[in-house]
Amino acid sequence: MQGIKVLVTRPEPENTQTCQALSALGATPISLPMLEIRPLSSNAELSALRSQLYNLDLYQFVIFVSKNAARLAAELIDECWPMLPVGMHWLGIGQGTTQTLKDLNIPALSNPGNNTEAMLEWLKPAKMRDQRVLIVRGTGGRPDLAKGLEERGALVDHLELYKRHTPEYTAQTFLFLDHPDVIWATSGESLANLNNHVERFAPEFKEIVLFVPSKRVLEQARALGWQQAIYATGADDQSLMAATIQHLGR
């Protein structure tokens, strides 16, 4: 990826990590987060989260939807459970989330895919009726995972650890931004925020090749007018890098 300019729209701290990985390959990363993750932090919010986690051993499945969910949950779980409860299935959506959990000493498994739909498909053989499932995520996340599990008889709760906010950028931001060769949008919400900024300040960016992590986000991109959108099969760095290299013929 020598010399390739990649606009990275991940939230922090993942944005910095991805930019470092790109730099190591000789690429030129351009950091422009399109989501800001703000952990719940008030005493009342943290007290409620801890109260919920004290009942963690009541669940048969705990599913983490993102690296941020994994990282923030691990901190609180460690406070409430010096030793992890046993007999549970710890699952991460995507290889990156699963690896984050493993790095934090949570013995997680991952579905072969990288999104909610792949997770639901992977869990089809599992007995879900009357199984208690805790989905760890940010507030107001997509309902698809819970809905799919509840349709199979699971009893689903949510542990919501953070709020997502849209960063504010100006025309000046884009005026002084290096013109990227490719753009990485790693979620539907990031893409929506990027699209809003681009339509206001840099409509020419819609001519740039855009890599997205799923078929759902690919359809979203095309509906928004991104004609050069490409499905990268995952939101992790490896999937995006492989898709970019393949596209560039390197």
Protein backbone atom coordinates (compact mmCIF):
# COMPACT_ATOMS: atom_id res chain seq x y z
CA MET A 1 0.00 0.00 0.00
CA GLN A 2 3.02 2.23 -0.48
CA GLY A 3 1.96 5.85 -0.95
CA ILE A 4 -1.79 5.20 -0.99
CA LYS A 5 -3.77 7.90 0.83
CA VAL A 6 -6.54 6.33 2.94
CA LEU A 7 -9.23 8.39 4.66
CA VAL A 8 -10.01 6.57 7.93
CA THR A 9 -13.37 7.34 9.54
CA ARG A 10 -13.25 5.02 12.58
CA PRO A 11 -13.96 6.43 16.05
CA GLU A 12 -11.08 6.71 18.49
CA PRO A 13 -9.14 4.90 19.82
CA GLU A 14 -9.47 2.50 16.87
CA ASN A 15 -8.82 5.30 14.38
CA THR A 16 -5.31 5.89 15.70
CA GLN A 17 -4.56 2.15 15.71
CA THR A 18 -5.71 1.77 12.10
CA CYS A 19 -3.67 4.79 11.01
CA GLN A 20 -0.58 3.29 12.66
CA ALA A 21 -1.16 -0.02 10.86
CA LEU A 22 -1.50 1.78 7.52
CA SER A 23 1.67 3.80 8.13
CA ALA A 24 3.56 0.57 8.83
CA LEU A 25 2.60 -0.62 5.35
CA GLY A 26 3.79 2.58 3.71
CA ALA A 27 0.33 4.06 3.18
CA THR A 28 -0.57 7.64 4.09
CA PRO A 29 -3.50 7.60 6.54
CA ILE A 30 -5.83 10.60 6.78
CA SER A 31 -7.66 10.61 10.11
CA LEU A 32 -11.22 11.94 10.06
CA PRO A 33 -13.38 10.11 12.65
CA MET A 34 -17.07 10.15 11.79
CA LEU A 35 -18.21 8.87 15.18
CA GLU A 36 -17.28 9.90 18.69
CA ILE A 37 -17.68 7.34 21.46
CA ARG A 38 -18.56 8.78 24.87
CA PRO A 39 -18.71 6.21 27.70
CA LEU A 40 -21.50 6.56 30.24
CA SER A 41 -19.78 8.18 33.17
CA SER A 42 -22.17 9.67 35.72
CA ASN A 43 -22.35 8.03 39.13
CA ALA A 44 -25.98 7.04 38.51
CA GLU A 45 -25.19 5.50 35.12
CA LEU A 46 -22.20 3.56 36.40
CA SER A 47 -24.14 2.34 39.45
CA ALA A 48 -26.91 1.02 37.18
CA LEU A 49 -24.39 -0.74 34.94
CA ARG A 50 -22.68 -2.40 37.90
CA SER A 51 -26.03 -3.54 39.28
CA GLN A 52 -26.78 -5.19 35.95
CA LEU A 53 -23.37 -6.84 35.78
CA TYR A 54 -23.70 -8.37 39.24
CA ASN A 55 -26.31 -10.60 37.57
CA LEU A 56 -23.99 -11.57 34.73
CA ASP A 57 -23.98 -15.24 35.75
CA LEU A 58 -27.69 -15.48 34.92
CA TYR A 59 -26.92 -15.33 31.19
CA GLN A 60 -25.96 -18.18 28.90
CA PHE A 61 -24.69 -15.92 26.09
CA VAL A 62 -22.96 -12.54 26.19
CA ILE A 63 -22.52 -10.90 22.78
CA PHE A 64 -20.28 -7.87 22.23
CA VAL A 65 -21.05 -5.80 19.13
CA SER A 66 -17.86 -3.69 18.86
CA LYS A 67 -14.33 -3.19 20.14
CA ASN A 68 -15.53 -0.27 22.26
CA ALA A 69 -18.23 -2.45 23.80
CA ALA A 70 -15.62 -5.10 24.57
CA ARG A 71 -13.11 -2.66 26.04
CA LEU A 72 -15.56 -0.76 28.24
CA ALA A 73 -17.37 -3.89 29.39
CA ALA A 74 -14.15 -5.64 30.35
CA GLU A 75 -13.26 -2.81 32.73
CA LEU A 76 -16.61 -3.02 34.50
CA ILE A 77 -16.73 -6.83 34.51
CA ASP A 78 -13.32 -6.89 36.15
CA GLU A 79 -14.66 -4.64 38.92
CA CYS A 80 -17.73 -6.81 39.53
CA TRP A 81 -16.26 -10.27 38.87
CA PRO A 82 -12.64 -10.83 40.01
CA MET A 83 -13.12 -14.29 38.45
CA LEU A 84 -15.34 -14.62 35.40
CA PRO A 85 -18.53 -16.66 35.85
CA VAL A 86 -18.25 -20.09 34.25
CA GLY A 87 -20.46 -21.98 31.83
CA MET A 88 -21.14 -18.97 29.60
CA HIS A 89 -20.66 -18.33 25.89
CA TRP A 90 -18.74 -15.10 25.24
CA LEU A 91 -19.17 -14.00 21.63
CA GLY A 92 -17.72 -11.11 19.63
CA ILE A 93 -19.17 -9.87 16.37
CA GLY A 94 -16.17 -9.79 14.07
CA GLN A 95 -12.59 -10.89 14.47
CA GLY A 96 -11.41 -7.51 15.79
CA THR A 97 -13.95 -7.45 18.63
CA THR A 98 -13.19 -11.05 19.51
CA GLN A 99 -9.45 -10.43 19.60
CA THR A 100 -10.00 -7.39 21.82
CA LEU A 101 -11.91 -9.61 24.26
CA LYS A 102 -9.17 -12.25 24.23
CA ASP A 103 -6.54 -9.58 24.85
CA LEU A 104 -8.60 -8.56 27.90
CA ASN A 105 -8.71 -12.18 29.18
CA ILE A 106 -12.30 -12.88 28.17
CA PRO A 107 -12.38 -16.27 26.38
CA ALA A 108 -14.51 -15.18 23.44
CA LEU A 109 -15.46 -17.01 20.26
CA SER A 110 -16.35 -15.36 16.99
CA ASN A 111 -18.63 -16.19 14.12
CA PRO A 112 -16.81 -16.62 10.80
CA GLY A 113 -18.43 -13.43 9.48
CA ASN A 114 -18.15 -9.84 10.63
CA ASN A 115 -21.68 -8.56 11.18
CA THR A 116 -25.02 -9.15 12.89
CA GLU A 117 -26.44 -11.15 10.01
CA ALA A 118 -23.48 -13.53 10.02
CA MET A 119 -23.77 -13.96 13.79
CA LEU A 120 -27.45 -14.90 13.53
CA GLU A 121 -26.66 -17.38 10.76
CA TRP A 122 -23.83 -18.90 12.78
CA LEU A 123 -26.08 -19.34 15.83
CA LYS A 124 -28.80 -21.16 13.89
CA PRO A 125 -27.74 -24.63 15.15
CA ALA A 126 -27.64 -23.44 18.78
CA LYS A 127 -30.58 -23.96 21.11
CA MET A 128 -31.83 -20.45 21.89
CA ARG A 129 -35.31 -20.98 23.33
CA ASP A 130 -35.43 -19.72 26.92
CA GLN A 131 -31.69 -18.96 26.79
CA ARG A 132 -30.80 -15.64 28.39
CA VAL A 133 -28.69 -13.40 26.17
CA LEU A 134 -26.97 -10.14 27.08
CA ILE A 135 -26.05 -7.88 24.15
CA VAL A 136 -23.29 -5.40 25.04
CA ARG A 137 -23.42 -2.26 22.91
CA GLY A 138 -23.90 1.51 22.82
CA THR A 139 -27.23 3.19 23.39
CA GLY A 140 -29.71 3.04 20.56
CA GLY A 141 -27.94 0.37 18.52
CA ARG A 142 -29.50 -1.63 15.70
CA PRO A 143 -32.38 -3.89 16.86
CA ASP A 144 -31.70 -6.68 14.35
CA LEU A 145 -29.63 -8.96 16.59
CA ALA A 146 -32.07 -8.89 19.51
CA LYS A 147 -35.05 -9.31 17.18
CA GLY A 148 -33.49 -12.31 15.44
CA LEU A 149 -32.70 -14.02 18.74
CA GLU A 150 -36.09 -13.26 20.28
CA GLU A 151 -37.80 -14.78 17.25
CA ARG A 152 -36.05 -18.03 18.20
CA GLY A 153 -37.27 -17.81 21.80
CA ALA A 154 -34.25 -16.21 23.47
CA LEU A 155 -34.67 -13.81 26.39
CA VAL A 156 -32.61 -10.77 25.45
CA ASP A 157 -31.33 -7.88 27.56
CA HIS A 158 -28.98 -5.05 26.64
CA LEU A 159 -26.00 -3.61 28.48
CA GLU A 160 -25.52 -0.16 26.97
CA LEU A 161 -22.15 1.36 27.83
CA TYR A 162 -21.66 4.39 25.62
CA LYS A 163 -23.32 6.98 23.44
CA ARG A 164 -22.34 7.79 19.85
CA HIS A 165 -22.00 11.39 18.76
CA THR A 166 -21.32 12.98 15.39
CA PRO A 167 -18.10 15.04 15.27
CA GLU A 168 -18.49 18.55 13.94
CA TYR A 169 -16.37 19.55 10.95
CA THR A 170 -16.33 22.71 8.84
CA ALA A 171 -15.62 23.64 5.25
CA GLN A 172 -12.11 24.57 6.39
CA THR A 173 -11.53 20.98 7.58
CA PHE A 174 -12.07 19.67 4.07
CA LEU A 175 -10.25 22.59 2.42
CA PHE A 176 -7.00 21.61 4.14
CA LEU A 177 -7.58 17.84 4.01
CA ASP A 178 -5.34 15.78 1.72
CA HIS A 179 -7.34 14.37 -1.17
CA PRO A 180 -7.57 10.63 -0.45
CA ASP A 181 -7.20 7.81 -2.96
CA VAL A 182 -9.69 5.64 -1.07
CA ILE A 183 -12.08 6.02 1.87
CA TRP A 184 -12.82 3.47 4.58
CA ALA A 185 -16.28 3.70 6.21
CA THR A 186 -16.62 1.00 8.85
CA SER A 187 -20.31 1.27 9.81
CA GLY A 188 -23.60 2.52 8.48
CA GLU A 189 -23.68 5.34 10.99
CA SER A 190 -20.15 6.47 10.10
CA LEU A 191 -21.12 6.43 6.44
CA ALA A 192 -24.25 8.51 7.08
CA ASN A 193 -22.22 11.11 8.99
CA LEU A 194 -19.51 11.13 6.31
CA ASN A 195 -22.12 11.56 3.58
CA ASN A 196 -23.68 14.55 5.36
CA HIS A 197 -20.32 16.29 5.67
CA VAL A 198 -19.27 15.48 2.11
CA GLU A 199 -22.51 16.77 0.63
CA ARG A 200 -22.05 20.05 2.48
CA PHE A 201 -18.33 20.64 2.08
CA ALA A 202 -16.70 18.27 -0.46
CA PRO A 203 -19.14 16.72 -2.96
CA GLU A 204 -16.21 15.68 -5.17
CA PHE A 205 -15.36 13.04 -2.52
CA LYS A 206 -18.27 10.97 -3.82
CA GLU A 207 -16.13 10.14 -6.86
CA ILE A 208 -13.55 8.43 -4.62
CA VAL A 209 -13.56 4.65 -4.14
CA LEU A 210 -15.34 3.87 -0.87
CA PHE A 211 -14.82 0.60 1.02
CA VAL A 212 -17.63 -0.58 3.33
CA PRO A 213 -17.84 -3.56 5.71
CA SER A 214 -21.10 -5.28 4.74
CA LYS A 215 -23.65 -5.74 1.99
CA ARG A 216 -26.12 -3.73 4.05
CA VAL A 217 -23.78 -0.73 4.17
CA LEU A 218 -22.97 -1.24 0.48
CA GLU A 219 -26.65 -0.85 -0.37
CA GLN A 220 -26.79 2.22 1.88
CA ALA A 221 -23.78 3.75 0.11
CA ARG A 222 -25.26 3.21 -3.33
CA ALA A 223 -28.57 4.69 -2.24
CA LEU A 224 -26.65 7.78 -1.07
CA GLY A 225 -25.00 8.13 -4.47
CA TRP A 226 -21.56 6.58 -3.85
CA GLN A 227 -21.16 4.85 -7.21
CA GLN A 228 -17.69 3.46 -6.48
CA ALA A 229 -18.58 1.65 -3.26
CA ILE A 230 -16.91 -1.72 -2.71
CA TYR A 231 -17.83 -4.45 -0.20
CA ALA A 232 -14.73 -5.32 1.85
CA THR A 233 -16.30 -8.36 3.67
CA GLY A 234 -15.53 -6.91 7.12
CA ALA A 235 -14.78 -3.81 9.17
CA ASP A 236 -11.43 -5.03 10.51
CA ASP A 237 -8.16 -3.62 9.20
CA GLN A 238 -7.16 -6.87 7.50
CA SER A 239 -10.38 -7.09 5.46
CA LEU A 240 -10.18 -3.45 4.40
CA MET A 241 -6.51 -3.68 3.51
CA ALA A 242 -7.02 -6.85 1.48
CA ALA A 243 -9.93 -5.31 -0.43
CA THR A 244 -7.96 -2.13 -1.09
CA ILE A 245 -4.91 -4.01 -2.33
CA GLN A 246 -7.07 -6.21 -4.55
CA HIS A 247 -8.81 -3.17 -6.01
CA LEU A 248 -5.50 -1.45 -6.73
CA GLY A 249 -4.13 -4.61 -8.33
CA ARG A 250 -1.14 -4.84 -6.02
